[in-house]
Amino acid sequence: MEIQIEVQVFANGAKFLQSGSCSVITTDFRKEPEWTAAVSAYEWIQKIKSSVRYPDDFKIVSVVYNGENDITDLVRKVAL
């Protein structure tokens, strides 16, 4: 199953918006949609971060999936 992700990040002294889709396991998403989306979003953000080589001031500002579900705090918890 695919979900749409929109991520606002801060890097190089400015905010950037990245958006795209990522896959989630359908059964996991049905049980815990927000947590499953947060894990997938975190993995997607890490791929973006490593491919673009964001600087040390890289911060996640907000993460939304499917246009309306704010999972910013959950994504930050995944990082812990």
PDB file of N, CA and C in Angstrom:
ATOM      1  N   MET A   1       0.846  -1.168   0.000  1.00  0.00           N
ATOM      2  CA  MET A   1       0.000   0.000   0.000  1.00  0.00           C
ATOM      3  C   MET A   1       0.896   1.238   0.000  1.00  0.00           C
ATOM      4  N   GLU A   2       0.482   2.269  -0.699  1.00  0.00           N
ATOM      5  CA  GLU A   2       1.245   3.509  -0.782  1.00  0.00           C
ATOM      6  C   GLU A   2       0.542   4.615   0.006  1.00  0.00           C
ATOM      7  N   ILE A   3       1.323   5.439   0.683  1.00  0.00           N
ATOM      8  CA  ILE A   3       0.803   6.633   1.327  1.00  0.00           C
ATOM      9  C   ILE A   3       1.582   7.838   0.798  1.00  0.00           C
ATOM     10  N   GLN A   4       0.946   8.981   0.820  1.00  0.00           N
ATOM     11  CA  GLN A   4       1.588  10.225   0.392  1.00  0.00           C
ATOM     12  C   GLN A   4       2.186  10.919   1.613  1.00  0.00           C
ATOM     13  N   ILE A   5       3.433  11.347   1.473  1.00  0.00           N
ATOM     14  CA  ILE A   5       4.135  11.995   2.573  1.00  0.00           C
ATOM     15  C   ILE A   5       4.554  13.400   2.149  1.00  0.00           C
ATOM     16  N   GLU A   6       4.371  14.361   3.037  1.00  0.00           N
ATOM     17  CA  GLU A   6       4.893  15.714   2.854  1.00  0.00           C
ATOM     18  C   GLU A   6       5.746  16.042   4.072  1.00  0.00           C
ATOM     19  N   VAL A   7       6.990  16.398   3.830  1.00  0.00           N
ATOM     20  CA  VAL A   7       7.925  16.669   4.902  1.00  0.00           C
ATOM     21  C   VAL A   7       8.482  18.079   4.739  1.00  0.00           C
ATOM     22  N   GLN A   8       8.404  18.868   5.793  1.00  0.00           N
ATOM     23  CA  GLN A   8       9.077  20.164   5.815  1.00  0.00           C
ATOM     24  C   GLN A   8      10.308  19.992   6.672  1.00  0.00           C
ATOM     25  N   VAL A   9      11.468  20.349   6.114  1.00  0.00           N
ATOM     26  CA  VAL A   9      12.717  20.258   6.856  1.00  0.00           C
ATOM     27  C   VAL A   9      13.396  21.618   6.857  1.00  0.00           C
ATOM     28  N   PHE A  10      14.245  21.800   7.840  1.00  0.00           N
ATOM     29  CA  PHE A  10      15.062  22.996   7.938  1.00  0.00           C
ATOM     30  C   PHE A  10      16.499  22.568   7.718  1.00  0.00           C
ATOM     31  N   ALA A  11      17.160  23.215   6.790  1.00  0.00           N
ATOM     32  CA  ALA A  11      18.571  22.923   6.516  1.00  0.00           C
ATOM     33  C   ALA A  11      19.189  24.122   5.812  1.00  0.00           C
ATOM     34  N   ASN A  12      20.454  24.341   6.046  1.00  0.00           N
ATOM     35  CA  ASN A  12      21.164  25.473   5.441  1.00  0.00           C
ATOM     36  C   ASN A  12      20.474  26.805   5.714  1.00  0.00           C
ATOM     37  N   GLY A  13      19.837  26.915   6.880  1.00  0.00           N
ATOM     38  CA  GLY A  13      19.188  28.162   7.253  1.00  0.00           C
ATOM     39  C   GLY A  13      17.862  28.438   6.568  1.00  0.00           C
ATOM     40  N   ALA A  14      17.268  27.437   5.919  1.00  0.00           N
ATOM     41  CA  ALA A  14      16.008  27.639   5.210  1.00  0.00           C
ATOM     42  C   ALA A  14      15.114  26.413   5.339  1.00  0.00           C
ATOM     43  N   LYS A  15      13.805  26.615   5.109  1.00  0.00           N
ATOM     44  CA  LYS A  15      12.856  25.496   5.108  1.00  0.00           C
ATOM     45  C   LYS A  15      12.706  24.956   3.695  1.00  0.00           C
ATOM     46  N   PHE A  16      12.568  23.637   3.595  1.00  0.00           N
ATOM     47  CA  PHE A  16      12.354  22.968   2.320  1.00  0.00           C
ATOM     48  C   PHE A  16      11.177  22.019   2.451  1.00  0.00           C
ATOM     49  N   LEU A  17      10.451  21.826   1.380  1.00  0.00           N
ATOM     50  CA  LEU A  17       9.345  20.877   1.349  1.00  0.00           C
ATOM     51  C   LEU A  17       9.724  19.735   0.419  1.00  0.00           C
ATOM     52  N   GLN A  18       9.611  18.519   0.922  1.00  0.00           N
ATOM     53  CA  GLN A  18       9.814  17.316   0.130  1.00  0.00           C
ATOM     54  C   GLN A  18       8.509  16.547   0.178  1.00  0.00           C
ATOM     55  N   SER A  19       8.068  16.043  -0.955  1.00  0.00           N
ATOM     56  CA  SER A  19       6.853  15.234  -0.948  1.00  0.00           C
ATOM     57  C   SER A  19       7.034  14.051  -1.889  1.00  0.00           C
ATOM     58  N   GLY A  20       6.292  13.005  -1.587  1.00  0.00           N
ATOM     59  CA  GLY A  20       6.363  11.796  -2.395  1.00  0.00           C
ATOM     60  C   GLY A  20       5.517  10.708  -1.769  1.00  0.00           C
ATOM     61  N   SER A  21       5.689   9.515  -2.265  1.00  0.00           N
ATOM     62  CA  SER A  21       4.935   8.392  -1.711  1.00  0.00           C
ATOM     63  C   SER A  21       5.909   7.354  -1.181  1.00  0.00           C
ATOM     64  N   CYS A  22       5.442   6.587  -0.217  1.00  0.00           N
ATOM     65  CA  CYS A  22       6.243   5.479   0.287  1.00  0.00           C
ATOM     66  C   CYS A  22       5.322   4.315   0.620  1.00  0.00           C
ATOM     67  N   SER A  23       5.901   3.162   0.620  1.00  0.00           N
ATOM     68  CA  SER A  23       5.139   1.936   0.848  1.00  0.00           C
ATOM     69  C   SER A  23       5.008   1.637   2.334  1.00  0.00           C
ATOM     70  N   VAL A  24       3.860   1.094   2.690  1.00  0.00           N
ATOM     71  CA  VAL A  24       3.633   0.584   4.040  1.00  0.00           C
ATOM     72  C   VAL A  24       3.023  -0.806   3.915  1.00  0.00           C
ATOM     73  N   ILE A  25       3.227  -1.618   4.928  1.00  0.00           N
ATOM     74  CA  ILE A  25       2.618  -2.946   4.952  1.00  0.00           C
ATOM     75  C   ILE A  25       1.153  -2.771   5.336  1.00  0.00           C
ATOM     76  N   THR A  26       0.266  -3.229   4.473  1.00  0.00           N
ATOM     77  CA  THR A  26      -1.170  -2.990   4.629  1.00  0.00           C
ATOM     78  C   THR A  26      -1.698  -3.487   5.969  1.00  0.00           C
ATOM     79  N   THR A  27      -1.316  -4.673   6.390  1.00  0.00           N
ATOM     80  CA  THR A  27      -1.834  -5.213   7.657  1.00  0.00           C
ATOM     81  C   THR A  27      -1.362  -4.376   8.842  1.00  0.00           C
ATOM     82  N   ASP A  28      -0.105  -3.930   8.811  1.00  0.00           N
ATOM     83  CA  ASP A  28       0.394  -3.066   9.891  1.00  0.00           C
ATOM     84  C   ASP A  28      -0.338  -1.730   9.890  1.00  0.00           C
ATOM     85  N   PHE A  29      -0.571  -1.186   8.690  1.00  0.00           N
ATOM     86  CA  PHE A  29      -1.244   0.109   8.571  1.00  0.00           C
ATOM     87  C   PHE A  29      -2.669   0.035   9.095  1.00  0.00           C
ATOM     88  N   ARG A  30      -3.353  -1.069   8.861  1.00  0.00           N
ATOM     89  CA  ARG A  30      -4.726  -1.216   9.363  1.00  0.00           C
ATOM     90  C   ARG A  30      -4.756  -1.278  10.885  1.00  0.00           C
ATOM     91  N   LYS A  31      -3.725  -1.889  11.493  1.00  0.00           N
ATOM     92  CA  LYS A  31      -3.675  -2.011  12.952  1.00  0.00           C
ATOM     93  C   LYS A  31      -3.264  -0.698  13.612  1.00  0.00           C
ATOM     94  N   GLU A  32      -2.200  -0.083  13.104  1.00  0.00           N
ATOM     95  CA  GLU A  32      -1.658   1.144  13.679  1.00  0.00           C
ATOM     96  C   GLU A  32      -1.265   2.104  12.560  1.00  0.00           C
ATOM     97  N   PRO A  33      -2.236   2.778  11.963  1.00  0.00           N
ATOM     98  CA  PRO A  33      -1.943   3.588  10.780  1.00  0.00           C
ATOM     99  C   PRO A  33      -0.924   4.703  11.025  1.00  0.00           C
ATOM    100  N   GLU A  34      -1.056   5.432  12.109  1.00  0.00           N
ATOM    101  CA  GLU A  34      -0.153   6.555  12.324  1.00  0.00           C
ATOM    102  C   GLU A  34       1.268   6.095  12.626  1.00  0.00           C
ATOM    103  N   TRP A  35       1.427   5.077  13.466  1.00  0.00           N
ATOM    104  CA  TRP A  35       2.768   4.593  13.792  1.00  0.00           C
ATOM    105  C   TRP A  35       3.436   3.983  12.549  1.00  0.00           C
ATOM    106  N   THR A  36       2.690   3.208  11.786  1.00  0.00           N
ATOM    107  CA  THR A  36       3.224   2.592  10.570  1.00  0.00           C
ATOM    108  C   THR A  36       3.646   3.668   9.575  1.00  0.00           C
ATOM    109  N   ALA A  37       2.838   4.696   9.422  1.00  0.00           N
ATOM    110  CA  ALA A  37       3.178   5.810   8.539  1.00  0.00           C
ATOM    111  C   ALA A  37       4.415   6.538   9.051  1.00  0.00           C
ATOM    112  N   ALA A  38       4.525   6.706  10.358  1.00  0.00           N
ATOM    113  CA  ALA A  38       5.673   7.397  10.944  1.00  0.00           C
ATOM    114  C   ALA A  38       6.974   6.642  10.698  1.00  0.00           C
ATOM    115  N   VAL A  39       6.953   5.329  10.851  1.00  0.00           N
ATOM    116  CA  VAL A  39       8.149   4.525  10.605  1.00  0.00           C
ATOM    117  C   VAL A  39       8.568   4.623   9.143  1.00  0.00           C
ATOM    118  N   SER A  40       7.614   4.503   8.240  1.00  0.00           N
ATOM    119  CA  SER A  40       7.920   4.607   6.809  1.00  0.00           C
ATOM    120  C   SER A  40       8.426   6.005   6.455  1.00  0.00           C
ATOM    121  N   ALA A  41       7.800   7.023   7.035  1.00  0.00           N
ATOM    122  CA  ALA A  41       8.232   8.399   6.771  1.00  0.00           C
ATOM    123  C   ALA A  41       9.646   8.630   7.278  1.00  0.00           C
ATOM    124  N   TYR A  42       9.950   8.112   8.459  1.00  0.00           N
ATOM    125  CA  TYR A  42      11.298   8.269   9.015  1.00  0.00           C
ATOM    126  C   TYR A  42      12.337   7.615   8.107  1.00  0.00           C
ATOM    127  N   GLU A  43      12.048   6.412   7.639  1.00  0.00           N
ATOM    128  CA  GLU A  43      12.974   5.723   6.733  1.00  0.00           C
ATOM    129  C   GLU A  43      13.156   6.514   5.440  1.00  0.00           C
ATOM    130  N   TRP A  44      12.077   7.074   4.923  1.00  0.00           N
ATOM    131  CA  TRP A  44      12.118   7.872   3.704  1.00  0.00           C
ATOM    132  C   TRP A  44      12.942   9.145   3.924  1.00  0.00           C
ATOM    133  N   ILE A  45      12.750   9.796   5.069  1.00  0.00           N
ATOM    134  CA  ILE A  45      13.513  11.005   5.399  1.00  0.00           C
ATOM    135  C   ILE A  45      15.001  10.689   5.489  1.00  0.00           C
ATOM    136  N   GLN A  46      15.343   9.552   6.065  1.00  0.00           N
ATOM    137  CA  GLN A  46      16.757   9.174   6.177  1.00  0.00           C
ATOM    138  C   GLN A  46      17.388   8.971   4.794  1.00  0.00           C
ATOM    139  N   LYS A  47      16.628   8.403   3.865  1.00  0.00           N
ATOM    140  CA  LYS A  47      17.133   8.241   2.496  1.00  0.00           C
ATOM    141  C   LYS A  47      17.368   9.597   1.851  1.00  0.00           C
ATOM    142  N   ILE A  48      16.428  10.507   2.040  1.00  0.00           N
ATOM    143  CA  ILE A  48      16.578  11.859   1.494  1.00  0.00           C
ATOM    144  C   ILE A  48      17.802  12.529   2.109  1.00  0.00           C
ATOM    145  N   LYS A  49      17.904  12.432   3.416  1.00  0.00           N
ATOM    146  CA  LYS A  49      19.000  13.081   4.138  1.00  0.00           C
ATOM    147  C   LYS A  49      20.359  12.569   3.668  1.00  0.00           C
ATOM    148  N   SER A  50      20.479  11.266   3.478  1.00  0.00           N
ATOM    149  CA  SER A  50      21.772  10.716   3.062  1.00  0.00           C
ATOM    150  C   SER A  50      22.080  10.996   1.596  1.00  0.00           C
ATOM    151  N   SER A  51      21.075  11.052   0.753  1.00  0.00           N
ATOM    152  CA  SER A  51      21.342  11.278  -0.667  1.00  0.00           C
ATOM    153  C   SER A  51      21.644  12.739  -0.977  1.00  0.00           C
ATOM    154  N   VAL A  52      21.077  13.648  -0.198  1.00  0.00           N
ATOM    155  CA  VAL A  52      21.280  15.069  -0.452  1.00  0.00           C
ATOM    156  C   VAL A  52      22.396  15.632   0.429  1.00  0.00           C
ATOM    157  N   ARG A  53      22.742  14.905   1.457  1.00  0.00           N
ATOM    158  CA  ARG A  53      23.790  15.313   2.399  1.00  0.00           C
ATOM    159  C   ARG A  53      23.490  16.657   3.043  1.00  0.00           C
ATOM    160  N   TYR A  54      22.386  16.666   3.753  1.00  0.00           N
ATOM    161  CA  TYR A  54      22.016  17.875   4.478  1.00  0.00           C
ATOM    162  C   TYR A  54      23.036  18.147   5.577  1.00  0.00           C
ATOM    163  N   PRO A  55      23.198  19.394   5.936  1.00  0.00           N
ATOM    164  CA  PRO A  55      24.183  19.780   6.946  1.00  0.00           C
ATOM    165  C   PRO A  55      23.744  19.426   8.363  1.00  0.00           C
ATOM    166  N   ASP A  56      24.573  19.813   9.307  1.00  0.00           N
ATOM    167  CA  ASP A  56      24.312  19.513  10.715  1.00  0.00           C
ATOM    168  C   ASP A  56      23.082  20.216  11.274  1.00  0.00           C
ATOM    169  N   ASP A  57      22.618  21.282  10.630  1.00  0.00           N
ATOM    170  CA  ASP A  57      21.440  21.981  11.143  1.00  0.00           C
ATOM    171  C   ASP A  57      20.137  21.377  10.629  1.00  0.00           C
ATOM    172  N   PHE A  58      20.184  20.183  10.053  1.00  0.00           N
ATOM    173  CA  PHE A  58      19.000  19.497   9.536  1.00  0.00           C
ATOM    174  C   PHE A  58      18.021  19.215  10.665  1.00  0.00           C
ATOM    175  N   LYS A  59      16.772  19.668  10.493  1.00  0.00           N
ATOM    176  CA  LYS A  59      15.712  19.404  11.475  1.00  0.00           C
ATOM    177  C   LYS A  59      14.416  19.113  10.738  1.00  0.00           C
ATOM    178  N   ILE A  60      13.635  18.197  11.284  1.00  0.00           N
ATOM    179  CA  ILE A  60      12.305  17.914  10.753  1.00  0.00           C
ATOM    180  C   ILE A  60      11.354  18.945  11.347  1.00  0.00           C
ATOM    181  N   VAL A  61      10.700  19.710  10.480  1.00  0.00           N
ATOM    182  CA  VAL A  61       9.754  20.730  10.930  1.00  0.00           C
ATOM    183  C   VAL A  61       8.359  20.135  11.039  1.00  0.00           C
ATOM    184  N   SER A  62       7.904  19.440   9.988  1.00  0.00           N
ATOM    185  CA  SER A  62       6.593  18.802  10.043  1.00  0.00           C
ATOM    186  C   SER A  62       6.532  17.636   9.066  1.00  0.00           C
ATOM    187  N   VAL A  63       5.688  16.669   9.418  1.00  0.00           N
ATOM    188  CA  VAL A  63       5.466  15.499   8.564  1.00  0.00           C
ATOM    189  C   VAL A  63       3.964  15.224   8.539  1.00  0.00           C
ATOM    190  N   VAL A  64       3.413  15.137   7.334  1.00  0.00           N
ATOM    191  CA  VAL A  64       1.986  14.891   7.150  1.00  0.00           C
ATOM    192  C   VAL A  64       1.831  13.758   6.144  1.00  0.00           C
ATOM    193  N   TYR A  65       0.917  12.834   6.430  1.00  0.00           N
ATOM    194  CA  TYR A  65       0.659  11.797   5.433  1.00  0.00           C
ATOM    195  C   TYR A  65      -0.780  11.889   4.945  1.00  0.00           C
ATOM    196  N   ASN A  66      -0.952  11.545   3.690  1.00  0.00           N
ATOM    197  CA  ASN A  66      -2.249  11.594   3.001  1.00  0.00           C
ATOM    198  C   ASN A  66      -2.946  12.955   3.150  1.00  0.00           C
ATOM    199  N   GLY A  67      -2.152  14.009   3.153  1.00  0.00           N
ATOM    200  CA  GLY A  67      -2.673  15.357   3.082  1.00  0.00           C
ATOM    201  C   GLY A  67      -3.202  15.981   4.345  1.00  0.00           C
ATOM    202  N   GLU A  68      -3.475  15.192   5.385  1.00  0.00           N
ATOM    203  CA  GLU A  68      -4.131  15.791   6.557  1.00  0.00           C
ATOM    204  C   GLU A  68      -3.728  15.211   7.899  1.00  0.00           C
ATOM    205  N   ASN A  69      -2.924  14.169   7.913  1.00  0.00           N
ATOM    206  CA  ASN A  69      -2.598  13.492   9.164  1.00  0.00           C
ATOM    207  C   ASN A  69      -1.197  13.882   9.624  1.00  0.00           C
ATOM    208  N   ASP A  70      -1.124  14.738  10.633  1.00  0.00           N
ATOM    209  CA  ASP A  70       0.158  15.218  11.149  1.00  0.00           C
ATOM    210  C   ASP A  70       0.773  14.149  12.053  1.00  0.00           C
ATOM    211  N   ILE A  71       1.957  13.672  11.656  1.00  0.00           N
ATOM    212  CA  ILE A  71       2.644  12.624  12.419  1.00  0.00           C
ATOM    213  C   ILE A  71       4.041  13.076  12.840  1.00  0.00           C
ATOM    214  N   THR A  72       4.231  14.381  12.919  1.00  0.00           N
ATOM    215  CA  THR A  72       5.547  14.947  13.231  1.00  0.00           C
ATOM    216  C   THR A  72       6.110  14.380  14.528  1.00  0.00           C
ATOM    217  N   ASP A  73       5.334  14.407  15.588  1.00  0.00           N
ATOM    218  CA  ASP A  73       5.827  13.928  16.884  1.00  0.00           C
ATOM    219  C   ASP A  73       6.155  12.448  16.858  1.00  0.00           C
ATOM    220  N   LEU A  74       5.349  11.664  16.163  1.00  0.00           N
ATOM    221  CA  LEU A  74       5.617  10.224  16.062  1.00  0.00           C
ATOM    222  C   LEU A  74       6.904   9.958  15.292  1.00  0.00           C
ATOM    223  N   VAL A  75       7.137  10.700  14.225  1.00  0.00           N
ATOM    224  CA  VAL A  75       8.376  10.520  13.452  1.00  0.00           C
ATOM    225  C   VAL A  75       9.582  10.846  14.327  1.00  0.00           C
ATOM    226  N   ARG A  76       9.471  11.868  15.126  1.00  0.00           N
ATOM    227  CA  ARG A  76      10.569  12.210  16.044  1.00  0.00           C
ATOM    228  C   ARG A  76      10.798  11.097  17.070  1.00  0.00           C
ATOM    229  N   LYS A  77       9.725  10.443  17.519  1.00  0.00           N
ATOM    230  CA  LYS A  77       9.861   9.330  18.466  1.00  0.00           C
ATOM    231  C   LYS A  77      10.537   8.123  17.815  1.00  0.00           C
ATOM    232  N   VAL A  78      10.278   7.895  16.535  1.00  0.00           N
ATOM    233  CA  VAL A  78      10.924   6.788  15.818  1.00  0.00           C
ATOM    234  C   VAL A  78      12.436   6.979  15.865  1.00  0.00           C
ATOM    235  N   ALA A  79      12.877   8.211  15.784  1.00  0.00           N
ATOM    236  CA  ALA A  79      14.309   8.520  15.762  1.00  0.00           C
ATOM    237  C   ALA A  79      14.993   8.191  17.084  1.00  0.00           C
ATOM    238  N   LEU A  80      14.240   8.072  18.160  1.00  0.00           N
ATOM    239  CA  LEU A  80      14.849   7.809  19.467  1.00  0.00           C
ATOM    240  C   LEU A  80      15.267   6.411  19.644  1.00  0.00           C
TER     241      LEU A  80
END
